[in-house]
N, C-alpha and C. Protein backbone atom coordinates (compact mmCIF):
# COMPACT_ATOMS: atom_id res chain seq x y z
N MET A 1 -6.26 20.35 -13.03
CA MET A 1 -6.04 18.91 -13.43
C MET A 1 -5.45 18.57 -14.37
N TYR A 2 -4.97 17.65 -13.34
CA TYR A 2 -4.04 16.03 -14.66
C TYR A 2 -4.67 15.16 -15.66
N ALA A 3 -5.41 15.23 -16.64
CA ALA A 3 -6.48 14.69 -16.84
C ALA A 3 -5.86 13.02 -17.29
N LYS A 4 -5.11 12.96 -17.61
CA LYS A 4 -4.44 12.15 -17.74
C LYS A 4 -4.36 11.05 -16.78
N MET A 5 -3.83 11.89 -15.19
CA MET A 5 -2.54 11.04 -14.76
C MET A 5 -3.80 9.87 -14.35
N PRO A 6 -5.65 9.82 -13.61
CA PRO A 6 -5.87 8.95 -12.74
C PRO A 6 -5.49 7.68 -13.83
N SER A 7 -5.91 7.93 -14.98
CA SER A 7 -5.66 6.84 -15.94
C SER A 7 -4.25 5.77 -16.39
N ARG A 8 -3.24 6.87 -16.39
CA ARG A 8 -2.11 6.60 -16.31
C ARG A 8 -1.36 5.37 -14.99
N LEU A 9 -2.01 6.42 -13.60
CA LEU A 9 -1.88 5.47 -11.82
C LEU A 9 -2.56 4.28 -12.95
N LYS A 10 -3.79 4.09 -12.68
CA LYS A 10 -4.62 2.61 -13.22
C LYS A 10 -3.66 1.54 -13.94
N GLU A 11 -2.92 1.94 -15.05
CA GLU A 11 -2.68 1.96 -15.87
C GLU A 11 -1.09 1.07 -15.42
N LEU A 12 -0.71 1.58 -15.17
CA LEU A 12 0.72 1.26 -14.58
C LEU A 12 0.61 0.33 -13.51
N ARG A 13 -0.24 1.17 -12.50
CA ARG A 13 -0.02 -0.35 -11.15
C ARG A 13 -0.95 -1.47 -11.71
N GLU A 14 -1.54 -1.84 -12.38
CA GLU A 14 -2.74 -2.69 -13.02
C GLU A 14 -1.46 -3.55 -13.41
N GLN A 15 -0.46 -2.94 -14.64
CA GLN A 15 0.71 -3.60 -15.03
C GLN A 15 1.59 -4.25 -14.10
N ARG A 16 1.27 -3.39 -12.39
CA ARG A 16 2.04 -5.05 -11.78
C ARG A 16 1.41 -5.85 -11.05
N ALA A 17 -0.04 -5.75 -11.40
CA ALA A 17 -0.72 -6.65 -10.95
C ALA A 17 -0.28 -5.99 -9.29
N TRP A 18 -0.68 -5.39 -8.98
CA TRP A 18 -0.55 -4.41 -7.71
C TRP A 18 -2.27 -4.02 -6.91
N THR A 19 -2.38 -4.03 -6.39
CA THR A 19 -4.07 -3.43 -5.35
C THR A 19 -3.70 -2.07 -5.04
N LYS A 20 -4.50 -1.67 -5.01
CA LYS A 20 -4.70 0.46 -4.11
C LYS A 20 -3.87 0.04 -3.56
N THR A 21 -5.01 -0.84 -2.24
CA THR A 21 -3.82 -1.37 -0.77
C THR A 21 -2.97 -1.34 -1.44
N GLU A 22 -2.48 -2.45 -2.03
CA GLU A 22 -0.67 -2.64 -1.88
C GLU A 22 0.08 -0.90 -2.54
N THR A 23 -0.38 -0.55 -3.28
CA THR A 23 0.31 0.74 -4.41
C THR A 23 0.48 1.87 -2.77
N ALA A 24 -0.89 1.82 -2.17
CA ALA A 24 -1.04 3.25 -1.13
C ALA A 24 0.07 2.61 -0.11
N LYS A 25 0.53 0.73 -0.04
CA LYS A 25 0.99 1.02 1.24
C LYS A 25 2.89 1.03 1.06
N ARG A 26 2.80 0.74 -0.05
CA ARG A 26 4.46 1.44 -1.03
C ARG A 26 5.01 2.55 -0.83
N LEU A 27 3.52 3.18 -1.03
CA LEU A 27 3.74 5.02 -1.35
C LEU A 27 3.26 5.49 0.22
N GLY A 28 3.34 4.47 0.97
CA GLY A 28 3.34 5.44 2.52
C GLY A 28 2.04 6.29 2.34
N VAL A 29 0.64 6.62 2.28
CA VAL A 29 -0.62 7.02 2.42
C VAL A 29 -1.33 5.82 2.35
N GLY A 30 -2.63 6.14 3.30
CA GLY A 30 -4.53 5.75 3.02
C GLY A 30 -4.58 5.74 1.47
N THR A 31 -5.37 3.85 1.59
CA THR A 31 -6.21 3.57 0.32
C THR A 31 -6.96 4.82 -0.63
N SER A 32 -7.57 5.19 0.69
CA SER A 32 -8.03 6.28 -0.03
C SER A 32 -7.68 7.42 -0.43
N THR A 33 -6.52 7.50 -0.23
CA THR A 33 -6.08 8.88 -0.40
C THR A 33 -4.75 8.34 -1.48
N TYR A 34 -5.06 6.89 -2.30
CA TYR A 34 -4.40 6.83 -3.46
C TYR A 34 -5.75 6.71 -4.29
N SER A 35 -6.62 5.75 -3.64
CA SER A 35 -8.09 5.22 -4.66
C SER A 35 -9.06 6.88 -5.09
N ASN A 36 -8.50 8.51 -4.53
CA ASN A 36 -8.85 9.85 -4.76
C ASN A 36 -8.30 10.09 -6.21
N TRP A 37 -6.65 10.09 -5.75
CA TRP A 37 -6.01 10.22 -7.43
C TRP A 37 -6.45 9.17 -8.26
N GLU A 38 -6.47 8.12 -8.16
CA GLU A 38 -6.45 7.15 -9.56
C GLU A 38 -8.08 7.24 -9.55
N TYR A 39 -9.02 7.35 -9.14
CA TYR A 39 -9.97 7.99 -9.48
C TYR A 39 -10.10 9.80 -9.98
N GLY A 40 -9.11 10.91 -9.59
CA GLY A 40 -8.92 11.92 -10.37
C GLY A 40 -10.40 13.14 -9.66
N LEU A 41 -10.05 12.11 -8.10
CA LEU A 41 -10.78 13.32 -7.15
C LEU A 41 -10.45 13.95 -7.18
N ARG A 42 -8.80 13.76 -6.38
CA ARG A 42 -8.22 14.54 -5.82
C ARG A 42 -6.41 14.57 -6.70
N GLU A 43 -5.41 15.08 -6.37
CA GLU A 43 -4.17 15.36 -6.90
C GLU A 43 -3.42 15.58 -5.95
N PRO A 44 -2.30 14.76 -6.05
CA PRO A 44 -1.22 14.85 -5.17
C PRO A 44 0.25 15.80 -5.08
N ASP A 45 0.78 15.78 -3.93
CA ASP A 45 1.48 17.17 -3.94
C ASP A 45 2.61 16.97 -4.51
N ILE A 46 3.97 17.55 -4.65
CA ILE A 46 4.76 17.31 -6.36
C ILE A 46 5.37 16.37 -5.69
N ASP A 47 5.86 16.34 -4.36
CA ASP A 47 6.78 15.38 -3.81
C ASP A 47 6.09 13.78 -4.12
N ARG A 48 4.60 13.84 -3.66
CA ARG A 48 3.46 12.11 -3.99
C ARG A 48 4.12 11.79 -5.72
N LEU A 49 3.92 13.21 -5.99
CA LEU A 49 4.37 12.50 -7.85
C LEU A 49 5.63 12.34 -8.17
N SER A 50 6.29 12.77 -7.45
CA SER A 50 7.65 12.54 -7.37
C SER A 50 8.17 11.01 -6.94
N GLN A 51 7.53 10.81 -6.40
CA GLN A 51 7.70 9.52 -5.30
C GLN A 51 6.70 8.11 -6.30
N MET A 52 6.05 8.66 -6.55
CA MET A 52 5.18 7.18 -7.57
C MET A 52 5.90 7.01 -8.76
N ALA A 53 6.07 8.46 -9.89
CA ALA A 53 7.68 8.32 -10.39
C ALA A 53 8.46 7.54 -10.31
N ASP A 54 8.89 8.00 -9.51
CA ASP A 54 10.34 6.34 -9.12
C ASP A 54 9.26 5.32 -8.54
N LEU A 55 8.27 5.22 -8.39
CA LEU A 55 7.79 3.76 -7.89
C LEU A 55 7.70 3.15 -9.13
N TYR A 56 7.45 3.74 -10.04
CA TYR A 56 6.21 2.91 -11.66
C TYR A 56 7.35 3.11 -12.74
N GLY A 57 8.84 3.43 -12.12
CA GLY A 57 9.78 3.45 -12.89
C GLY A 57 9.03 4.97 -14.40
N VAL A 58 8.40 5.38 -14.70
CA VAL A 58 8.38 6.23 -15.24
C VAL A 58 8.53 7.97 -14.77
N THR A 59 8.12 8.84 -15.24
CA THR A 59 8.80 10.86 -15.50
C THR A 59 7.35 10.90 -14.99
N VAL A 60 7.30 12.40 -14.19
CA VAL A 60 6.27 12.91 -13.88
C VAL A 60 5.81 13.37 -14.72
N ASP A 61 6.54 14.01 -16.12
CA ASP A 61 5.53 14.58 -17.70
C ASP A 61 4.87 13.43 -17.86
N TYR A 62 5.03 11.73 -18.10
CA TYR A 62 4.33 11.23 -18.15
C TYR A 62 3.27 11.11 -17.17
N LEU A 63 3.70 11.32 -15.60
CA LEU A 63 2.27 10.66 -14.85
C LEU A 63 1.13 11.73 -15.14
N ILE A 64 1.43 12.56 -15.24
CA ILE A 64 0.68 14.37 -15.51
C ILE A 64 0.09 14.23 -16.73
N GLY A 65 0.86 13.59 -17.97
CA GLY A 65 0.40 13.96 -19.42
C GLY A 65 0.91 14.56 -20.71
N ARG A 66 2.26 15.14 -19.77
CA ARG A 66 2.77 15.87 -21.03
C ARG A 66 3.31 15.62 -21.60
N SER A 67 4.25 14.44 -21.06
CA SER A 67 5.27 13.58 -22.16
C SER A 67 4.04 11.74 -22.35
N ASN A 68 4.14 11.72 -23.67
CA ASN A 68 3.78 9.97 -23.61
C ASN A 68 5.28 9.09 -24.00
N GLN A 69 6.12 9.67 -23.43
CA GLN A 69 7.12 8.86 -24.12
C GLN A 69 7.52 8.06 -22.61
N LEU A 70 7.42 6.70 -22.75
CA LEU A 70 7.30 5.60 -21.49
C LEU A 70 9.39 5.54 -21.90
N PRO A 71 10.01 5.62 -20.69
CA PRO A 71 11.50 5.18 -20.59
C PRO A 71 11.30 3.69 -21.43
N THR A 72 12.83 3.96 -22.01
CA THR A 72 13.14 2.56 -22.98
C THR A 72 14.42 2.08 -21.99
N VAL A 73 14.52 0.61 -21.90
CA VAL A 73 16.00 0.28 -21.16
C VAL A 73 16.44 -0.88 -21.63
N ASP A 74 17.74 -1.23 -21.97
CA ASP A 74 18.31 -1.95 -22.90
C ASP A 74 18.54 -2.83 -21.34
N LEU A 75 18.71 -4.43 -21.84
CA LEU A 75 18.15 -5.46 -21.44
C LEU A 75 20.15 -6.30 -21.05
N SER A 76 20.52 -5.58 -22.30
CA SER A 76 22.03 -6.23 -22.08
C SER A 76 23.05 -5.36 -21.33
N GLN A 77 22.75 -4.57 -21.01
CA GLN A 77 22.93 -3.40 -19.84
C GLN A 77 23.07 -4.89 -18.10
N ASN A 78 24.09 -4.93 -17.77
CA ASN A 78 24.43 -5.17 -16.52
C ASN A 78 24.28 -4.92 -15.58
N LYS A 79 23.83 -3.65 -15.48
CA LYS A 79 24.27 -2.66 -14.57
C LYS A 79 22.86 -2.43 -13.78
N ILE A 80 21.99 -2.80 -14.03
CA ILE A 80 20.80 -2.30 -14.23
C ILE A 80 19.79 -3.37 -13.46
N ASP A 81 18.85 -3.24 -12.67
CA ASP A 81 18.69 -3.96 -11.44
C ASP A 81 16.92 -4.04 -11.57
N PHE A 82 16.65 -5.00 -12.33
CA PHE A 82 15.21 -5.27 -12.67
C PHE A 82 14.95 -6.21 -10.95
N MET A 83 13.18 -5.71 -11.12
CA MET A 83 12.81 -6.01 -10.27
C MET A 83 10.97 -6.75 -10.79
N TYR A 84 11.01 -7.55 -9.82
CA TYR A 84 9.71 -8.72 -10.50
C TYR A 84 9.14 -8.67 -8.86
N LYS A 85 7.24 -8.04 -9.13
CA LYS A 85 6.91 -8.85 -7.14
C LYS A 85 7.63 -7.65 -6.57
N GLY A 86 8.42 -6.36 -6.45
CA GLY A 86 9.35 -6.13 -5.18
C GLY A 86 10.33 -6.49 -4.78
N GLN A 87 10.69 -7.20 -5.71
CA GLN A 87 11.93 -8.32 -5.42
C GLN A 87 13.06 -8.66 -6.57
N LYS A 88 14.19 -8.10 -6.50
CA LYS A 88 15.34 -8.14 -7.57
C LYS A 88 15.16 -9.15 -8.18
N VAL A 89 15.43 -9.28 -9.62
CA VAL A 89 16.36 -10.67 -10.44
C VAL A 89 17.05 -11.33 -10.63
N PRO A 90 17.43 -11.92 -9.44
CA PRO A 90 18.89 -12.66 -10.06
C PRO A 90 19.67 -13.11 -11.09
N GLU A 91 20.52 -12.54 -10.59
CA GLU A 91 21.47 -12.46 -12.25
C GLU A 91 21.16 -13.96 -12.94
N SER A 92 21.33 -14.84 -12.21
CA SER A 92 20.83 -15.95 -13.03
C SER A 92 19.19 -15.74 -13.94
N GLU A 93 18.85 -15.68 -13.40
CA GLU A 93 17.33 -15.52 -14.00
C GLU A 93 17.53 -14.67 -14.56
N MET A 94 18.11 -13.10 -15.19
CA MET A 94 17.92 -12.37 -16.09
C MET A 94 19.22 -12.92 -16.93
N LYS A 95 19.98 -13.42 -17.31
CA LYS A 95 20.45 -14.69 -17.94
C LYS A 95 19.76 -15.00 -19.09
N ILE A 96 18.60 -16.12 -18.56
CA ILE A 96 17.87 -16.11 -18.95
C ILE A 96 17.02 -15.48 -19.92
N VAL A 97 16.54 -14.53 -19.25
CA VAL A 97 15.81 -13.49 -19.92
C VAL A 97 16.53 -13.04 -21.08
N ARG A 98 17.18 -12.57 -21.26
CA ARG A 98 18.65 -11.82 -21.90
C ARG A 98 18.65 -13.05 -23.37
N ARG A 99 19.07 -14.44 -23.29
CA ARG A 99 18.49 -15.73 -23.73
C ARG A 99 18.05 -15.26 -24.88
N LEU A 100 15.95 -15.50 -23.78
CA LEU A 100 15.24 -16.03 -24.88
C LEU A 100 14.80 -14.60 -25.80
N LEU A 101 15.49 -13.20 -25.39
CA LEU A 101 14.90 -12.12 -25.95
C LEU A 101 16.08 -12.07 -27.22
N ASN A 102 17.17 -12.08 -27.38
CA ASN A 102 18.07 -12.49 -28.10
C ASN A 102 17.95 -13.57 -28.51
N SER A 103 17.06 -14.97 -28.51
CA SER A 103 16.43 -16.12 -29.67
C SER A 103 15.83 -15.74 -30.52
N LYS A 104 14.82 -14.14 -29.79
CA LYS A 104 13.51 -13.49 -30.85
C LYS A 104 14.16 -13.38 -31.93
N ASN A 105 15.53 -12.76 -31.92
CA ASN A 105 16.15 -12.09 -33.17
C ASN A 105 16.49 -12.88 -34.07
N ASP A 106 16.50 -14.06 -34.10
CA ASP A 106 17.62 -15.01 -34.64
C ASP A 106 16.60 -15.45 -35.47
């Protein structure tokens, strides 16, 4: 049993303000299936673990508690697509985000 996985799934889902139903749809599973993973009643197979890691932008090791290291992203890189509520953030808005973050260092 992956003891940390249920709490990490819940935390990652809530950070995105997704419901369990919405998350289950994104993964192509039933709400009760996803809920069972989040409650720690069942464990997903390796393919679903990988799919969830991709969905949340973390590693499988992070999901199952073998690592506490979250990936970092350099916002100054223009080749990265950022998503917000399932939609790509337009480059014009990313310029605003970068400007705001850069002003914090002034």
